[in-house]
Amino acid sequence: MFMATAPAHSFLSSSIVKELAHFGGDVSSMVPGIVNDALKARVVGK
């Protein structure tokens, strides 16, 4: 299955997103809302 994505998200590394979230960075423009909420909950839980 081929799933096209928006150019803004085509080369986004999950490691970078997780690291940004871990250090309090705003990743809301990089991920869908539900993922952003899950990352926030995960960072708060640690």
PDB file of N, CA and C in Angstrom:
ATOM      1  N   MET A   1       0.839  -1.163   0.000  1.00  0.00           N
ATOM      2  CA  MET A   1       0.000   0.000   0.000  1.00  0.00           C
ATOM      3  C   MET A   1       0.893   1.236   0.000  1.00  0.00           C
ATOM      4  N   PHE A   2       0.588   2.181  -0.856  1.00  0.00           N
ATOM      5  CA  PHE A   2       1.309   3.450  -0.921  1.00  0.00           C
ATOM      6  C   PHE A   2       0.493   4.513  -0.219  1.00  0.00           C
ATOM      7  N   MET A   3       1.119   5.196   0.728  1.00  0.00           N
ATOM      8  CA  MET A   3       0.421   6.265   1.451  1.00  0.00           C
ATOM      9  C   MET A   3       1.199   7.558   1.261  1.00  0.00           C
ATOM     10  N   ALA A   4       0.625   8.465   0.534  1.00  0.00           N
ATOM     11  CA  ALA A   4       1.266   9.761   0.306  1.00  0.00           C
ATOM     12  C   ALA A   4       1.119  10.632   1.546  1.00  0.00           C
ATOM     13  N   THR A   5       2.054  11.542   1.722  1.00  0.00           N
ATOM     14  CA  THR A   5       2.025  12.437   2.871  1.00  0.00           C
ATOM     15  C   THR A   5       2.261  13.869   2.423  1.00  0.00           C
ATOM     16  N   ALA A   6       1.953  14.780   3.293  1.00  0.00           N
ATOM     17  CA  ALA A   6       2.223  16.186   3.002  1.00  0.00           C
ATOM     18  C   ALA A   6       3.740  16.392   2.970  1.00  0.00           C
ATOM     19  N   PRO A   7       4.230  17.245   2.096  1.00  0.00           N
ATOM     20  CA  PRO A   7       5.677  17.468   2.014  1.00  0.00           C
ATOM     21  C   PRO A   7       6.307  17.880   3.348  1.00  0.00           C
ATOM     22  N   ALA A   8       5.565  18.571   4.167  1.00  0.00           N
ATOM     23  CA  ALA A   8       6.099  19.012   5.461  1.00  0.00           C
ATOM     24  C   ALA A   8       6.426  17.841   6.380  1.00  0.00           C
ATOM     25  N   HIS A   9       5.797  16.694   6.145  1.00  0.00           N
ATOM     26  CA  HIS A   9       6.003  15.534   7.008  1.00  0.00           C
ATOM     27  C   HIS A   9       6.717  14.380   6.314  1.00  0.00           C
ATOM     28  N   SER A  10       7.160  14.568   5.112  1.00  0.00           N
ATOM     29  CA  SER A  10       7.682  13.448   4.342  1.00  0.00           C
ATOM     30  C   SER A  10       9.014  12.891   4.851  1.00  0.00           C
ATOM     31  N   PHE A  11       9.845  13.698   5.459  1.00  0.00           N
ATOM     32  CA  PHE A  11      11.142  13.231   5.940  1.00  0.00           C
ATOM     33  C   PHE A  11      11.323  13.562   7.412  1.00  0.00           C
ATOM     34  N   LEU A  12      10.344  13.239   8.197  1.00  0.00           N
ATOM     35  CA  LEU A  12      10.351  13.556   9.618  1.00  0.00           C
ATOM     36  C   LEU A  12      10.796  12.337  10.413  1.00  0.00           C
ATOM     37  N   SER A  13      11.856  12.475  11.159  1.00  0.00           N
ATOM     38  CA  SER A  13      12.383  11.378  11.965  1.00  0.00           C
ATOM     39  C   SER A  13      11.660  11.320  13.305  1.00  0.00           C
ATOM     40  N   SER A  14      11.157  10.146  13.661  1.00  0.00           N
ATOM     41  CA  SER A  14      10.459  10.004  14.942  1.00  0.00           C
ATOM     42  C   SER A  14      11.411  10.256  16.108  1.00  0.00           C
ATOM     43  N   SER A  15      12.678   9.950  15.931  1.00  0.00           N
ATOM     44  CA  SER A  15      13.662  10.196  16.994  1.00  0.00           C
ATOM     45  C   SER A  15      13.790  11.685  17.287  1.00  0.00           C
ATOM     46  N   ILE A  16      13.778  12.484  16.241  1.00  0.00           N
ATOM     47  CA  ILE A  16      13.872  13.943  16.415  1.00  0.00           C
ATOM     48  C   ILE A  16      12.635  14.459  17.138  1.00  0.00           C
ATOM     49  N   VAL A  17      11.469  13.986  16.733  1.00  0.00           N
ATOM     50  CA  VAL A  17      10.217  14.428  17.358  1.00  0.00           C
ATOM     51  C   VAL A  17      10.210  14.057  18.835  1.00  0.00           C
ATOM     52  N   LYS A  18      10.605  12.823  19.147  1.00  0.00           N
ATOM     53  CA  LYS A  18      10.621  12.381  20.551  1.00  0.00           C
ATOM     54  C   LYS A  18      11.627  13.184  21.372  1.00  0.00           C
ATOM     55  N   GLU A  19      12.769  13.482  20.792  1.00  0.00           N
ATOM     56  CA  GLU A  19      13.777  14.261  21.516  1.00  0.00           C
ATOM     57  C   GLU A  19      13.291  15.684  21.762  1.00  0.00           C
ATOM     58  N   LEU A  20      12.698  16.296  20.764  1.00  0.00           N
ATOM     59  CA  LEU A  20      12.148  17.642  20.943  1.00  0.00           C
ATOM     60  C   LEU A  20      11.094  17.662  22.042  1.00  0.00           C
ATOM     61  N   ALA A  21      10.198  16.694  22.020  1.00  0.00           N
ATOM     62  CA  ALA A  21       9.146  16.618  23.037  1.00  0.00           C
ATOM     63  C   ALA A  21       9.748  16.406  24.419  1.00  0.00           C
ATOM     64  N   HIS A  22      10.760  15.563  24.509  1.00  0.00           N
ATOM     65  CA  HIS A  22      11.411  15.271  25.791  1.00  0.00           C
ATOM     66  C   HIS A  22      11.997  16.536  26.423  1.00  0.00           C
ATOM     67  N   PHE A  23      12.549  17.420  25.605  1.00  0.00           N
ATOM     68  CA  PHE A  23      13.159  18.644  26.110  1.00  0.00           C
ATOM     69  C   PHE A  23      12.201  19.828  26.104  1.00  0.00           C
ATOM     70  N   GLY A  24      10.905  19.554  25.966  1.00  0.00           N
ATOM     71  CA  GLY A  24       9.892  20.604  26.075  1.00  0.00           C
ATOM     72  C   GLY A  24       9.633  21.392  24.811  1.00  0.00           C
ATOM     73  N   GLY A  25      10.130  20.928  23.681  1.00  0.00           N
ATOM     74  CA  GLY A  25       9.902  21.618  22.419  1.00  0.00           C
ATOM     75  C   GLY A  25       8.477  21.438  21.925  1.00  0.00           C
ATOM     76  N   ASP A  26       8.036  22.355  21.103  1.00  0.00           N
ATOM     77  CA  ASP A  26       6.689  22.294  20.529  1.00  0.00           C
ATOM     78  C   ASP A  26       6.729  21.493  19.233  1.00  0.00           C
ATOM     79  N   VAL A  27       6.090  20.336  19.237  1.00  0.00           N
ATOM     80  CA  VAL A  27       6.054  19.486  18.048  1.00  0.00           C
ATOM     81  C   VAL A  27       4.668  19.471  17.410  1.00  0.00           C
ATOM     82  N   SER A  28       3.794  20.350  17.859  1.00  0.00           N
ATOM     83  CA  SER A  28       2.407  20.342  17.385  1.00  0.00           C
ATOM     84  C   SER A  28       2.279  20.594  15.882  1.00  0.00           C
ATOM     85  N   SER A  29       3.237  21.292  15.300  1.00  0.00           N
ATOM     86  CA  SER A  29       3.168  21.538  13.855  1.00  0.00           C
ATOM     87  C   SER A  29       3.745  20.375  13.049  1.00  0.00           C
ATOM     88  N   MET A  30       4.341  19.405  13.739  1.00  0.00           N
ATOM     89  CA  MET A  30       4.994  18.288  13.056  1.00  0.00           C
ATOM     90  C   MET A  30       4.203  16.995  13.092  1.00  0.00           C
ATOM     91  N   VAL A  31       3.266  16.877  14.026  1.00  0.00           N
ATOM     92  CA  VAL A  31       2.535  15.625  14.218  1.00  0.00           C
ATOM     93  C   VAL A  31       1.045  15.909  14.360  1.00  0.00           C
ATOM     94  N   PRO A  32       0.207  14.909  14.101  1.00  0.00           N
ATOM     95  CA  PRO A  32      -1.236  15.080  14.318  1.00  0.00           C
ATOM     96  C   PRO A  32      -1.527  15.330  15.802  1.00  0.00           C
ATOM     97  N   GLY A  33      -2.652  15.941  16.076  1.00  0.00           N
ATOM     98  CA  GLY A  33      -3.041  16.293  17.439  1.00  0.00           C
ATOM     99  C   GLY A  33      -3.020  15.129  18.405  1.00  0.00           C
ATOM    100  N   ILE A  34      -3.521  13.980  17.978  1.00  0.00           N
ATOM    101  CA  ILE A  34      -3.574  12.815  18.867  1.00  0.00           C
ATOM    102  C   ILE A  34      -2.163  12.341  19.235  1.00  0.00           C
ATOM    103  N   VAL A  35      -1.235  12.434  18.309  1.00  0.00           N
ATOM    104  CA  VAL A  35       0.155  12.056  18.582  1.00  0.00           C
ATOM    105  C   VAL A  35       0.794  13.072  19.523  1.00  0.00           C
ATOM    106  N   ASN A  36       0.520  14.343  19.299  1.00  0.00           N
ATOM    107  CA  ASN A  36       1.035  15.397  20.169  1.00  0.00           C
ATOM    108  C   ASN A  36       0.558  15.185  21.604  1.00  0.00           C
ATOM    109  N   ASP A  37      -0.721  14.871  21.762  1.00  0.00           N
ATOM    110  CA  ASP A  37      -1.275  14.625  23.099  1.00  0.00           C
ATOM    111  C   ASP A  37      -0.606  13.422  23.759  1.00  0.00           C
ATOM    112  N   ALA A  38      -0.382  12.367  22.991  1.00  0.00           N
ATOM    113  CA  ALA A  38       0.257  11.166  23.535  1.00  0.00           C
ATOM    114  C   ALA A  38       1.702  11.446  23.941  1.00  0.00           C
ATOM    115  N   LEU A  39       2.410  12.230  23.140  1.00  0.00           N
ATOM    116  CA  LEU A  39       3.788  12.581  23.485  1.00  0.00           C
ATOM    117  C   LEU A  39       3.837  13.404  24.765  1.00  0.00           C
ATOM    118  N   LYS A  40       2.925  14.365  24.884  1.00  0.00           N
ATOM    119  CA  LYS A  40       2.874  15.185  26.100  1.00  0.00           C
ATOM    120  C   LYS A  40       2.617  14.314  27.321  1.00  0.00           C
ATOM    121  N   ALA A  41       1.673  13.393  27.215  1.00  0.00           N
ATOM    122  CA  ALA A  41       1.347  12.507  28.332  1.00  0.00           C
ATOM    123  C   ALA A  41       2.537  11.619  28.683  1.00  0.00           C
ATOM    124  N   ARG A  42       3.244  11.158  27.691  1.00  0.00           N
ATOM    125  CA  ARG A  42       4.399  10.289  27.924  1.00  0.00           C
ATOM    126  C   ARG A  42       5.537  11.049  28.600  1.00  0.00           C
ATOM    127  N   VAL A  43       5.774  12.288  28.172  1.00  0.00           N
ATOM    128  CA  VAL A  43       6.846  13.095  28.757  1.00  0.00           C
ATOM    129  C   VAL A  43       6.512  13.450  30.203  1.00  0.00           C
ATOM    130  N   VAL A  44       5.263  13.778  30.476  1.00  0.00           N
ATOM    131  CA  VAL A  44       4.845  14.117  31.839  1.00  0.00           C
ATOM    132  C   VAL A  44       4.957  12.899  32.744  1.00  0.00           C
ATOM    133  N   GLY A  45       4.697  11.721  32.203  1.00  0.00           N
ATOM    134  CA  GLY A  45       4.746  10.489  32.983  1.00  0.00           C
ATOM    135  C   GLY A  45       6.142  10.059  33.380  1.00  0.00           C
ATOM    136  N   LYS A  46       7.165  10.595  32.741  1.00  0.00           N
ATOM    137  CA  LYS A  46       8.548  10.178  33.050  1.00  0.00           C
ATOM    138  C   LYS A  46       9.131  11.005  34.148  1.00  0.00           C
TER     139      LYS A  46
END
